[in-house]
Protein backbone atom coordinates (compact mmCIF):
# COMPACT_ATOMS: atom_id res chain seq x y z
CA MET A 1 51.79 -93.75 49.33
CA ALA A 2 50.02 -95.85 46.68
CA GLU A 3 51.77 -96.15 43.31
CA LYS A 4 50.13 -94.89 40.13
CA LEU A 5 50.01 -96.29 36.62
CA LYS A 6 51.49 -93.82 34.14
CA ILE A 7 50.87 -94.04 30.41
CA ALA A 8 52.61 -91.80 27.86
CA ALA A 9 52.54 -92.04 24.07
CA LEU A 10 55.83 -91.16 22.35
CA GLY A 11 54.12 -91.44 18.95
CA GLY A 12 50.86 -92.45 17.28
CA LEU A 13 48.69 -89.59 18.56
CA ASN A 14 47.65 -86.68 16.31
CA GLU A 15 49.44 -88.50 13.49
CA ILE A 16 49.31 -91.72 11.47
CA GLY A 17 52.37 -93.83 12.25
CA LYS A 18 55.36 -93.68 14.61
CA ASN A 19 53.43 -95.72 17.20
CA MET A 20 55.06 -96.10 20.60
CA THR A 21 53.51 -96.10 24.08
CA VAL A 22 55.19 -96.37 27.50
CA PHE A 23 53.52 -97.97 30.55
CA GLU A 24 55.10 -97.28 33.93
CA TYR A 25 54.32 -98.48 37.44
CA ALA A 26 56.75 -98.01 40.34
CA ASN A 27 60.16 -99.17 39.06
CA ASP A 28 58.87 -101.13 36.06
CA MET A 29 58.27 -99.95 32.49
CA ILE A 30 57.20 -101.66 29.30
CA VAL A 31 56.97 -100.27 25.77
CA VAL A 32 54.31 -101.21 23.23
CA ASP A 33 55.37 -100.86 19.58
CA CYS A 34 58.33 -99.04 18.13
CA GLY A 35 57.38 -97.53 14.78
CA THR A 36 58.41 -95.05 12.11
CA SER A 37 56.41 -92.63 9.99
CA PHE A 38 56.78 -91.12 6.53
CA PRO A 39 58.46 -87.70 6.38
CA ASP A 40 56.08 -84.91 5.37
CA GLU A 41 56.62 -82.50 2.47
CA GLU A 42 58.48 -80.05 4.71
CA MET A 43 61.13 -82.64 5.63
CA LEU A 44 63.26 -82.33 2.51
CA GLY A 45 65.74 -85.18 2.09
CA VAL A 46 64.60 -87.03 5.23
CA ASP A 47 64.18 -90.81 4.90
CA LEU A 48 62.38 -91.76 8.13
CA VAL A 49 60.87 -90.20 11.22
CA ILE A 50 61.20 -92.05 14.54
CA PRO A 51 60.06 -91.17 18.07
CA ASP A 52 62.27 -89.20 20.44
CA ILE A 53 63.31 -91.76 23.08
CA LYS A 54 65.16 -89.55 25.58
CA TYR A 55 62.68 -90.62 28.27
CA LEU A 56 63.37 -94.30 27.58
CA GLU A 57 67.14 -93.77 27.57
CA LYS A 58 66.90 -91.97 30.92
CA ASN A 59 64.94 -94.92 32.38
CA ALA A 60 66.63 -97.76 30.47
CA ASP A 61 67.24 -99.79 33.63
CA LYS A 62 63.47 -99.86 34.34
CA ILE A 63 62.38 -101.20 30.93
CA ARG A 64 61.26 -104.83 31.28
CA GLY A 65 60.30 -105.42 27.67
CA ILE A 66 59.34 -104.03 24.26
CA PHE A 67 56.13 -105.64 22.96
CA LEU A 68 55.21 -105.50 19.25
CA THR A 69 51.60 -105.87 18.05
CA HIS A 70 52.52 -106.71 14.42
CA GLY A 71 55.15 -106.29 11.76
CA HIS A 72 54.21 -103.09 9.90
CA GLU A 73 56.85 -100.37 9.71
CA ASP A 74 54.76 -97.91 11.71
CA HIS A 75 54.96 -100.40 14.60
CA ILE A 76 58.44 -101.94 14.29
CA GLY A 77 60.50 -99.69 11.99
CA ALA A 78 62.28 -97.71 14.75
CA LEU A 79 63.41 -100.82 16.64
CA PRO A 80 66.98 -100.96 15.21
CA TYR A 81 67.54 -97.33 16.27
CA VAL A 82 66.00 -97.82 19.73
CA LEU A 83 68.02 -100.97 20.47
CA ARG A 84 71.26 -99.03 19.94
CA SER A 85 70.79 -97.41 23.33
CA ILE A 86 68.20 -99.63 25.09
CA ASN A 87 69.09 -103.27 25.64
CA ALA A 88 65.62 -104.50 26.59
CA PRO A 89 64.04 -107.86 25.66
CA VAL A 90 61.72 -107.77 22.64
CA TYR A 91 58.52 -109.85 22.44
CA ALA A 92 56.68 -110.53 19.18
CA THR A 93 54.84 -113.25 17.26
CA ARG A 94 56.71 -115.49 14.78
CA LEU A 95 56.11 -113.55 11.57
CA THR A 96 56.64 -110.17 13.22
CA MET A 97 59.89 -111.41 14.74
CA GLY A 98 61.01 -112.86 11.42
CA ILE A 99 60.69 -109.39 9.86
CA VAL A 100 62.41 -107.79 12.87
CA GLU A 101 65.34 -110.19 12.46
CA THR A 102 65.86 -109.17 8.82
CA LYS A 103 65.94 -105.51 9.88
CA LEU A 104 68.42 -106.19 12.66
CA ILE A 105 70.65 -108.17 10.29
CA GLU A 106 70.74 -105.13 7.96
CA HIS A 107 71.80 -102.98 10.91
CA ARG A 108 74.28 -105.65 12.13
CA MET A 109 72.53 -105.84 15.49
CA LEU A 110 70.99 -109.31 15.54
CA ASP A 111 73.60 -110.82 17.87
CA LYS A 112 73.06 -108.13 20.51
CA ALA A 113 69.23 -108.19 20.58
CA LYS A 114 67.23 -110.17 23.15
CA LEU A 115 64.45 -111.55 20.95
CA ASN A 116 61.59 -113.67 22.31
CA VAL A 117 58.99 -115.30 20.06
CA VAL A 118 55.53 -115.52 21.64
CA GLY A 119 52.05 -116.33 20.33
CA ALA A 120 48.39 -115.50 20.87
CA GLY A 121 47.28 -116.85 24.24
CA ASP A 122 50.76 -116.57 25.79
CA ILE A 123 51.32 -114.52 28.94
CA VAL A 124 54.63 -112.71 29.52
CA GLU A 125 55.75 -111.54 32.95
CA ALA A 126 57.56 -108.21 32.73
CA GLY A 127 58.22 -106.82 36.19
CA CYS A 128 54.89 -106.03 37.82
CA PHE A 129 53.14 -106.33 34.44
CA ASN A 130 51.54 -109.51 33.06
CA VAL A 131 51.05 -109.14 29.30
CA GLU A 132 48.62 -111.49 27.53
CA LEU A 133 48.59 -111.69 23.73
CA ILE A 134 45.12 -111.80 22.16
CA ARG A 135 44.57 -112.83 18.52
CA THR A 136 43.30 -110.11 16.16
CA ASN A 137 42.70 -109.69 12.42
CA HIS A 138 44.65 -107.15 10.38
CA SER A 139 46.20 -106.84 6.92
CA MET A 140 49.09 -108.90 8.23
CA PRO A 141 49.13 -112.38 9.81
CA ASP A 142 50.13 -112.89 13.44
CA SER A 143 48.76 -109.55 14.64
CA VAL A 144 47.82 -109.35 18.30
CA ALA A 145 46.27 -107.09 20.91
CA PHE A 146 47.70 -106.89 24.42
CA ALA A 147 45.93 -107.25 27.75
CA ILE A 148 48.37 -105.58 30.12
CA ASN A 149 47.52 -106.72 33.64
CA THR A 150 48.76 -104.10 36.11
CA PRO A 151 48.45 -103.86 39.90
CA LEU A 152 45.52 -101.48 39.31
CA GLY A 153 43.69 -103.54 36.69
CA ALA A 154 43.75 -104.61 33.03
CA VAL A 155 44.65 -102.28 30.18
CA ILE A 156 43.60 -103.48 26.71
CA VAL A 157 45.72 -102.21 23.79
CA THR A 158 44.05 -103.31 20.54
CA GLY A 159 46.90 -102.50 18.15
CA ASP A 160 45.78 -102.20 14.53
CA PHE A 161 42.79 -104.48 14.06
CA LYS A 162 39.55 -105.29 12.32
CA ILE A 163 37.02 -108.06 12.87
CA ASP A 164 37.23 -110.43 9.90
CA PRO A 165 34.86 -113.44 10.11
CA THR A 166 36.38 -114.96 6.95
CA PRO A 167 40.13 -114.31 7.12
CA VAL A 168 42.37 -115.65 4.36
CA ALA A 169 44.32 -117.65 6.94
CA GLY A 170 44.03 -118.27 10.66
CA LYS A 171 41.03 -117.57 12.86
CA MET A 172 38.72 -114.67 13.54
CA MET A 173 39.74 -112.12 16.18
CA ASP A 174 39.40 -113.57 19.69
CA LEU A 175 36.36 -111.58 20.77
CA THR A 176 35.59 -114.19 23.44
CA ARG A 177 38.78 -113.34 25.33
CA LEU A 178 38.03 -109.62 25.13
CA GLY A 179 34.57 -110.36 26.52
CA GLU A 180 36.05 -112.33 29.40
CA TYR A 181 38.25 -109.38 30.28
CA GLY A 182 35.18 -107.16 30.07
CA GLU A 183 33.35 -109.43 32.52
CA ASN A 184 36.23 -109.24 35.00
CA GLY A 185 36.67 -105.49 34.58
CA VAL A 186 38.86 -103.48 32.21
CA LEU A 187 40.57 -100.44 33.68
CA LEU A 188 41.47 -98.75 30.38
CA LEU A 189 40.85 -99.46 26.69
CA MET A 190 43.27 -97.99 24.13
CA SER A 191 41.75 -98.62 20.72
CA ASP A 192 42.77 -98.10 17.06
CA SER A 193 41.11 -94.99 15.58
CA THR A 194 42.43 -95.04 12.00
CA ASN A 195 39.11 -95.88 10.30
CA VAL A 196 36.73 -94.32 12.82
CA GLU A 197 35.26 -92.01 10.16
CA ARG A 198 34.00 -94.95 8.11
CA PRO A 199 30.55 -96.33 9.03
CA GLY A 200 29.70 -100.03 9.07
CA TYR A 201 32.26 -102.83 8.94
CA ALA A 202 35.58 -103.25 7.13
CA MET A 203 35.30 -105.74 4.26
CA SER A 204 36.94 -109.13 4.62
CA GLU A 205 40.36 -109.62 3.02
CA SER A 206 38.88 -112.61 1.16
CA LYS A 207 36.80 -110.11 -0.87
CA VAL A 208 40.04 -109.00 -2.55
CA GLY A 209 40.66 -112.58 -3.65
CA GLU A 210 37.29 -112.57 -5.46
CA SER A 211 38.28 -109.32 -7.22
CA PHE A 212 41.66 -110.76 -8.23
CA ASP A 213 39.90 -113.79 -9.73
CA TYR A 214 37.72 -111.45 -11.80
CA TRP A 215 40.74 -109.56 -13.19
CA PHE A 216 42.77 -112.74 -13.84
CA LYS A 217 40.00 -114.70 -15.56
CA GLY A 218 40.33 -114.59 -19.35
CA CYS A 219 43.10 -111.97 -19.23
CA GLU A 220 45.55 -112.23 -22.13
CA LYS A 221 47.78 -109.46 -20.79
CA ARG A 222 50.70 -109.60 -18.40
CA ILE A 223 49.39 -108.81 -14.89
CA ILE A 224 51.47 -106.58 -12.62
CA ILE A 225 50.18 -106.14 -9.06
CA ALA A 226 51.52 -103.53 -6.64
CA SER A 227 50.79 -104.11 -2.97
CA PHE A 228 52.24 -103.52 0.47
CA ALA A 229 55.05 -106.03 0.92
CA SER A 230 53.80 -106.82 4.42
CA ASN A 231 50.30 -107.85 3.29
CA VAL A 232 51.08 -111.56 3.23
CA HIS A 233 47.39 -112.54 2.91
CA ARG A 234 47.11 -110.53 -0.30
CA ILE A 235 50.30 -112.01 -1.71
CA GLN A 236 48.90 -115.48 -0.98
CA GLN A 237 45.74 -114.66 -2.93
CA ILE A 238 47.77 -113.38 -5.88
CA ILE A 239 49.78 -116.63 -5.91
CA ASN A 240 46.54 -118.65 -5.70
CA CYS A 241 45.08 -116.83 -8.72
CA ALA A 242 48.31 -117.18 -10.69
CA GLU A 243 48.34 -120.94 -10.08
CA LYS A 244 44.65 -121.25 -10.97
CA TYR A 245 45.15 -119.54 -14.34
CA GLY A 246 48.48 -121.15 -15.22
CA ARG A 247 50.75 -118.16 -14.64
CA LYS A 248 54.28 -117.96 -13.28
CA VAL A 249 55.03 -115.34 -10.61
CA ALA A 250 58.00 -112.96 -10.51
CA VAL A 251 58.79 -110.58 -7.65
CA SER A 252 60.26 -107.10 -7.97
CA GLY A 253 61.27 -104.89 -5.06
CA ARG A 254 63.69 -105.48 -2.22
CA SER A 255 61.17 -105.31 0.63
CA MET A 256 58.78 -107.60 -1.27
CA ASP A 257 61.58 -110.16 -1.76
CA THR A 258 62.46 -109.97 1.93
CA ILE A 259 58.93 -110.35 3.31
CA ILE A 260 58.03 -113.18 0.92
CA GLY A 261 61.24 -114.98 1.89
CA VAL A 262 60.49 -114.65 5.61
CA ALA A 263 56.83 -115.67 5.19
CA MET A 264 57.77 -118.75 3.13
CA ASN A 265 60.47 -119.85 5.58
CA LEU A 266 58.04 -119.58 8.50
CA GLY A 267 55.17 -121.28 6.70
CA TYR A 268 52.87 -118.26 6.35
CA LEU A 269 52.81 -118.55 2.55
CA ASN A 270 51.67 -121.70 0.75
CA VAL A 271 53.64 -121.59 -2.51
CA PRO A 272 53.23 -124.22 -5.27
CA GLU A 273 56.46 -125.75 -6.49
CA ASN A 274 58.23 -123.96 -9.36
CA ILE A 275 55.66 -121.13 -9.58
CA PHE A 276 58.28 -118.43 -8.90
CA VAL A 277 60.59 -117.29 -11.69
CA ASP A 278 63.38 -114.72 -11.64
CA ILE A 279 62.36 -111.18 -12.59
CA ALA A 280 65.18 -111.16 -15.16
CA SER A 281 63.49 -113.97 -17.13
CA VAL A 282 59.95 -112.55 -17.39
CA ASN A 283 60.34 -111.60 -21.06
CA LYS A 284 60.89 -115.27 -21.96
CA TYR A 285 57.24 -116.05 -21.14
CA PRO A 286 54.10 -115.15 -23.09
CA LYS A 287 52.25 -112.18 -21.58
CA HIS A 288 49.30 -114.28 -20.43
CA LYS A 289 51.61 -116.67 -18.59
CA ILE A 290 53.28 -114.22 -16.21
CA THR A 291 52.29 -112.24 -13.12
CA ILE A 292 54.60 -109.74 -11.41
CA ILE A 293 54.19 -108.81 -7.74
CA THR A 294 55.88 -105.49 -7.01
CA THR A 295 56.40 -102.76 -4.46
CA GLY A 296 55.41 -99.15 -5.14
CA SER A 297 51.72 -99.00 -4.26
CA GLN A 298 52.36 -95.61 -2.58
CA GLY A 299 54.15 -94.05 -5.55
CA GLU A 300 57.56 -94.10 -3.83
CA SER A 301 60.14 -92.65 -6.21
CA MET A 302 62.67 -95.47 -5.72
CA SER A 303 60.13 -98.32 -5.84
CA ALA A 304 59.93 -100.99 -8.53
CA LEU A 305 56.54 -99.85 -9.90
CA TYR A 306 57.73 -96.24 -10.17
CA ARG A 307 60.77 -97.37 -12.14
CA MET A 308 58.57 -99.50 -14.39
CA ALA A 309 56.26 -96.55 -15.05
CA PHE A 310 59.06 -94.12 -15.83
CA SER A 311 61.19 -96.54 -17.91
CA GLY A 312 63.86 -96.93 -15.26
CA HIS A 313 63.43 -100.65 -14.54
CA LYS A 314 66.09 -102.94 -15.99
CA GLN A 315 63.85 -105.96 -16.61
CA VAL A 316 60.29 -104.68 -17.06
CA GLU A 317 59.04 -102.20 -19.65
CA ILE A 318 55.36 -101.26 -19.24
CA GLY A 319 53.21 -101.13 -22.38
CA SER A 320 49.81 -101.82 -23.91
CA GLY A 321 50.17 -105.54 -23.18
CA ASP A 322 50.07 -104.96 -19.42
CA ARG A 323 47.28 -104.85 -16.86
CA VAL A 324 48.53 -103.06 -13.71
CA ILE A 325 46.55 -103.58 -10.50
CA ILE A 326 47.33 -101.26 -7.58
CA ALA A 327 46.05 -103.24 -4.61
CA ALA A 328 46.33 -100.52 -1.97
CA SER A 329 44.82 -97.15 -1.20
CA PRO A 330 47.03 -94.06 -0.89
CA ILE A 331 48.17 -93.29 2.65
CA PRO A 332 47.11 -89.69 3.48
CA GLY A 333 49.77 -87.41 2.03
CA ASN A 334 50.83 -89.86 -0.70
CA GLU A 335 47.92 -89.21 -3.08
CA LYS A 336 49.87 -86.95 -5.44
CA SER A 337 52.71 -89.49 -5.79
CA VAL A 338 50.31 -92.38 -6.40
CA TYR A 339 48.29 -90.59 -9.08
CA ARG A 340 51.46 -89.40 -10.80
CA VAL A 341 52.45 -93.05 -11.26
CA ILE A 342 48.91 -94.00 -12.38
CA ASN A 343 48.90 -91.20 -14.97
CA GLU A 344 52.27 -92.32 -16.32
CA LEU A 345 51.09 -95.95 -16.55
CA PHE A 346 48.07 -94.85 -18.58
CA ARG A 347 50.40 -92.74 -20.76
CA LYS A 348 52.49 -95.85 -21.46
CA GLY A 349 49.34 -97.58 -22.74
CA ALA A 350 48.80 -99.93 -19.80
CA GLU A 351 45.39 -100.84 -18.42
CA VAL A 352 45.35 -99.65 -14.79
CA VAL A 353 43.03 -101.02 -12.10
CA TYR A 354 43.00 -99.23 -8.75
CA GLU A 355 40.83 -98.90 -5.67
CA ARG A 356 38.45 -96.26 -7.06
CA MET A 357 37.59 -98.57 -9.97
CA ALA A 358 37.47 -101.97 -8.29
CA GLU A 359 37.56 -103.74 -4.93
CA VAL A 360 41.26 -104.57 -5.14
CA HIS A 361 41.96 -103.26 -1.64
CA VAL A 362 40.24 -103.51 1.72
CA SER A 363 41.36 -101.79 4.88
CA GLY A 364 43.00 -103.61 7.74
CA HIS A 365 41.46 -101.22 10.26
CA ALA A 366 38.15 -101.45 12.09
CA CYS A 367 35.22 -99.25 11.03
CA GLN A 368 32.64 -97.75 13.40
CA GLU A 369 30.56 -100.87 14.12
CA GLU A 370 33.64 -102.96 14.89
CA LEU A 371 34.95 -100.27 17.23
CA LYS A 372 31.59 -100.31 19.00
CA ILE A 373 31.77 -104.11 19.40
CA VAL A 374 35.16 -103.88 21.12
CA LEU A 375 33.94 -101.05 23.36
CA ALA A 376 30.85 -103.08 24.30
CA LEU A 377 32.79 -106.29 24.98
CA THR A 378 35.49 -104.69 27.13
CA ASN A 379 33.20 -102.15 28.87
CA PRO A 380 36.20 -100.15 30.16
CA GLU A 381 36.21 -97.78 33.11
CA TYR A 382 38.43 -95.37 31.17
CA PHE A 383 38.95 -94.94 27.43
CA MET A 384 41.79 -93.47 25.37
CA PRO A 385 41.54 -93.44 21.55
CA VAL A 386 44.94 -93.95 19.84
CA HIS A 387 46.46 -94.34 16.36
CA GLY A 388 45.04 -91.35 14.52
CA GLU A 389 45.04 -87.63 13.87
CA TYR A 390 43.08 -85.39 16.23
CA ARG A 391 39.85 -85.63 14.23
CA HIS A 392 40.04 -89.45 14.44
CA LEU A 393 40.62 -89.39 18.18
CA LYS A 394 37.75 -86.94 18.68
CA ALA A 395 35.33 -89.01 16.58
CA HIS A 396 36.28 -92.17 18.49
CA ALA A 397 35.74 -90.37 21.80
CA THR A 398 32.26 -89.37 20.61
CA ILE A 399 31.42 -93.01 19.81
CA ALA A 400 32.58 -94.07 23.28
CA GLN A 401 30.48 -91.34 24.89
CA ASN A 402 27.42 -92.44 22.90
CA MET A 403 27.98 -95.95 24.23
CA GLY A 404 27.75 -94.80 27.81
CA ILE A 405 31.30 -93.99 28.86
CA GLU A 406 31.32 -90.81 30.94
CA PRO A 407 33.00 -87.83 29.22
CA LYS A 408 35.24 -87.32 32.28
CA ASN A 409 36.55 -90.88 31.80
CA ILE A 410 37.52 -90.35 28.15
CA PHE A 411 41.05 -89.03 27.53
CA ILE A 412 42.17 -87.56 24.22
CA SER A 413 45.89 -87.36 24.76
CA GLU A 414 48.86 -86.08 22.77
CA ILE A 415 52.46 -87.12 22.35
CA GLY A 416 54.43 -86.78 25.57
CA ARG A 417 51.41 -86.17 27.80
CA VAL A 418 51.14 -88.50 30.83
CA LEU A 419 47.86 -90.14 31.82
CA GLU A 420 48.10 -91.01 35.50
CA ILE A 421 45.70 -93.60 36.95
CA SER A 422 45.32 -94.34 40.66
CA SER A 423 42.95 -96.68 42.44
CA THR A 424 40.28 -93.96 42.51
CA THR A 425 41.01 -91.40 39.78
CA ALA A 426 42.53 -90.84 36.35
CA LYS A 427 43.91 -87.53 35.12
CA PHE A 428 46.57 -85.97 32.94
CA ASN A 429 49.61 -85.05 34.99
CA GLY A 430 52.66 -83.52 33.34
CA THR A 431 54.66 -84.54 30.28
CA VAL A 432 57.73 -86.53 29.33
CA PRO A 433 60.31 -85.59 26.66
CA SER A 434 58.92 -86.41 23.23
CA GLY A 435 59.05 -85.37 19.60
CA LYS A 436 60.46 -86.43 16.24
CA ILE A 437 63.93 -87.69 15.40
CA LEU A 438 64.77 -87.46 11.70
CA VAL A 439 66.77 -90.17 9.95
CA ASP A 440 68.68 -89.00 6.87
CA GLY A 441 70.86 -91.72 5.36
CA LEU A 442 73.14 -92.98 8.12
CA SER A 443 72.64 -89.90 10.28
CA VAL A 444 70.10 -90.14 13.11
CA GLY A 445 69.01 -86.92 14.78
CA ASP A 446 71.63 -84.74 13.08
CA VAL A 447 69.00 -83.13 10.87
CA GLY A 448 67.03 -80.65 12.96
CA SER A 449 64.77 -77.66 12.41
CA VAL A 450 67.66 -75.38 11.36
CA VAL A 451 68.85 -77.83 8.69
CA LEU A 452 65.28 -78.33 7.40
CA ARG A 453 64.76 -74.56 7.32
CA ASP A 454 67.94 -74.15 5.24
CA ARG A 455 66.93 -76.96 2.88
CA LYS A 456 63.51 -75.40 2.38
CA HIS A 457 65.12 -72.00 1.81
CA LEU A 458 67.47 -73.48 -0.80
CA ALA A 459 64.64 -75.37 -2.49
CA GLN A 460 62.43 -72.28 -2.73
CA ASP A 461 64.88 -69.46 -3.46
CA GLY A 462 68.25 -70.94 -4.41
CA LEU A 463 71.78 -69.98 -3.35
CA ILE A 464 74.17 -67.12 -4.08
CA VAL A 465 77.82 -67.64 -3.13
CA ILE A 466 80.11 -64.59 -2.87
CA VAL A 467 83.80 -65.57 -3.03
CA VAL A 468 86.51 -63.11 -1.98
CA THR A 469 90.25 -63.73 -1.50
CA LEU A 470 92.16 -61.48 0.94
CA SER A 471 95.87 -61.07 1.43
CA GLY A 472 97.21 -62.70 4.58
CA SER A 473 99.70 -59.88 5.13
CA ASP A 474 97.62 -56.71 4.82
CA GLY A 475 94.01 -57.92 4.42
CA MET A 476 93.59 -56.34 1.00
CA ILE A 477 91.55 -57.97 -1.78
CA THR A 478 93.68 -60.13 -4.08
CA ALA A 479 90.86 -61.82 -6.05
CA GLY A 480 87.11 -61.38 -6.50
CA PRO A 481 84.51 -60.77 -5.45
CA ASP A 482 83.13 -63.54 -7.66
CA ILE A 483 79.46 -64.51 -7.72
CA VAL A 484 78.20 -68.11 -8.04
CA SER A 485 74.46 -68.76 -8.53
CA ARG A 486 72.76 -72.12 -7.86
CA GLY A 487 69.00 -72.47 -8.19
CA PHE A 488 68.47 -68.68 -8.36
CA VAL A 489 69.14 -67.55 -11.93
CA TYR A 490 70.68 -69.19 -14.97
CA VAL A 491 73.97 -67.34 -15.31
CA LYS A 492 74.18 -67.10 -19.13
CA GLU A 493 70.71 -65.56 -19.38
CA SER A 494 71.27 -63.13 -16.48
CA ASP A 495 74.65 -61.54 -17.22
CA GLU A 496 73.37 -58.09 -16.34
CA LEU A 497 72.01 -59.14 -12.92
CA MET A 498 75.18 -61.12 -12.16
CA GLU A 499 77.31 -58.07 -12.94
CA GLU A 500 75.11 -55.89 -10.72
CA MET A 501 75.53 -58.39 -7.89
CA ARG A 502 79.31 -58.32 -8.36
CA GLN A 503 79.26 -54.51 -8.23
CA ILE A 504 77.25 -54.60 -4.97
CA ALA A 505 79.83 -57.00 -3.48
CA CYS A 506 82.66 -54.77 -4.69
CA ARG A 507 81.11 -51.69 -3.07
CA THR A 508 80.63 -53.56 0.20
CA MET A 509 84.26 -54.72 0.19
CA ASP A 510 85.47 -51.17 -0.63
CA LYS A 511 83.49 -49.92 2.36
CA CYS A 512 85.13 -52.55 4.59
CA MET A 513 88.59 -51.58 3.36
CA THR A 514 87.88 -47.85 3.83
CA GLU A 515 86.61 -48.36 7.38
CA ASP A 516 89.53 -50.76 8.11
CA ILE A 517 87.20 -53.65 8.95
CA LYS A 518 89.35 -56.80 9.17
CA ASP A 519 87.07 -59.14 11.12
CA TRP A 520 85.87 -61.84 8.72
CA SER A 521 82.53 -62.43 10.45
CA THR A 522 81.72 -58.70 10.18
CA ILE A 523 82.71 -58.63 6.50
CA LYS A 524 80.54 -61.69 5.80
CA SER A 525 77.59 -60.13 7.63
CA MET A 526 77.89 -56.88 5.61
CA LEU A 527 78.14 -58.78 2.31
CA LYS A 528 75.11 -60.87 3.21
CA ASN A 529 72.97 -57.92 4.32
CA ASP A 530 73.82 -55.67 1.35
CA MET A 531 73.29 -58.47 -1.21
CA SER A 532 70.01 -59.62 0.39
CA HIS A 533 68.67 -56.06 0.40
CA PHE A 534 69.65 -55.51 -3.25
CA LEU A 535 68.21 -58.82 -4.51
CA TYR A 536 64.90 -58.40 -2.73
CA GLN A 537 64.45 -54.90 -4.13
CA LYS A 538 65.47 -56.07 -7.62
CA THR A 539 63.69 -59.47 -7.81
CA LYS A 540 61.40 -59.73 -4.74
CA ARG A 541 63.20 -62.98 -3.97
CA SER A 542 65.38 -63.95 -1.01
CA PRO A 543 67.99 -66.56 -1.96
CA MET A 544 70.35 -67.90 0.67
CA ILE A 545 73.51 -65.74 0.64
CA LEU A 546 76.74 -67.57 1.47
CA PRO A 547 79.86 -65.33 1.66
CA VAL A 548 83.15 -67.27 1.41
CA ILE A 549 86.40 -65.53 2.37
CA MET A 550 89.75 -67.13 1.59
CA GLU A 551 93.28 -66.04 2.42
CA ASN A 552 96.48 -66.26 0.41
């Protein structure tokens, strides 16, 4: 019986981020990307979201390699967690691998990892798969697409890309190689859908450099620029402008420090001698002689820019002598956080420049015309849009259909669903285990739906604790019931309600004593039910009720 190529996304479909896709043929598997995503508003206290990798753990002996398209968190962030249980070789370009190494050092896993540096044009043999790296353009250097040559034909995975004829560094995306694959026949194209709703072409990153020059020229203020730490091209352009106008550069933010360090060591940043100064010494320089590059373009509450805006930064105090440039657009879901920071910066008297006012950010993702070019060059037999919410995938499918791909050959998939391709057909066939694993501090996967439900309940309605002490000899009440309120009412202003709650608890305990109920779980259940009923009738609110029984 002929083998089939199976493709299953464990992340990156019907969502932005958490990208991970599994390719399987016979006894060989490879994984493309290994990313995280931001927690949504419902995930209270959660730091990161990573893909559920039960399917990979079950088939760990089949995995021939993990291939990374580029070094953004939504493509590499989950790698330290995945490598705890899957000891597969990792393949990535120099800059991407440099960032991976810093992450693995933090997790004390560098010595155990099998890391392999590869470059555009290289071909890696991984079981029955031959994986060729193809140069692309993105908001990060060293980004690549993959041509995965399988026994059934070539699968092109674009990764995040755009077509930039005038990149800040390096060459334009290798469209020639994509065209050559198209001439020889592409079985399946899996293409980035993030910017599919935008017509035309994405602007070149060099356009941002022109905007920076405009905002630097003649400026007598201190310039503070917030950007993604991973956007090395943008950091290079900031450094170029600072040198041109005689400014020193200081860096604030741990991730920014790390990425700049890696990029400098590997030669991806061209830094003039002595241009960097320590962030602690910025106040020694005149305002017009200093530029600060910082994290916090997404309004993150622990970021350097946030702390500057809300007077929590040890070295930098924002004021009327500052021009703050936010060189990024808000990721969907982060808008409220970003504009909160912008409002506070204005309140502090700073001049704020952001995307809606000026061209200080361009996307790293292809717009409609670029997506059409890649579709035309590769001319695939089958097409699967990836990297986007459902509306993005649907819009990309429509573009492919308009370009002549048959509707029956276009597959809008979802996480865990398996696309099965044979020598004659392609169809969805079954699912694999998939979902979200929540990372909260050092705990991975311990926070589930029940914990999130409790956190949401506490956040919305607060907590009432009922404390009762019973005698160990006869089960009679020796102390309490006492009522403790957290996040429900302020005790001093609600003495009457607190006393009523205590009386309800007393009546419930009297009933238990009268009916000779000694089982603690039954007593707790009665206390909880009676108190919940009373509070809802009295306040139309439902705080979490936590009965605590002690024995003496």
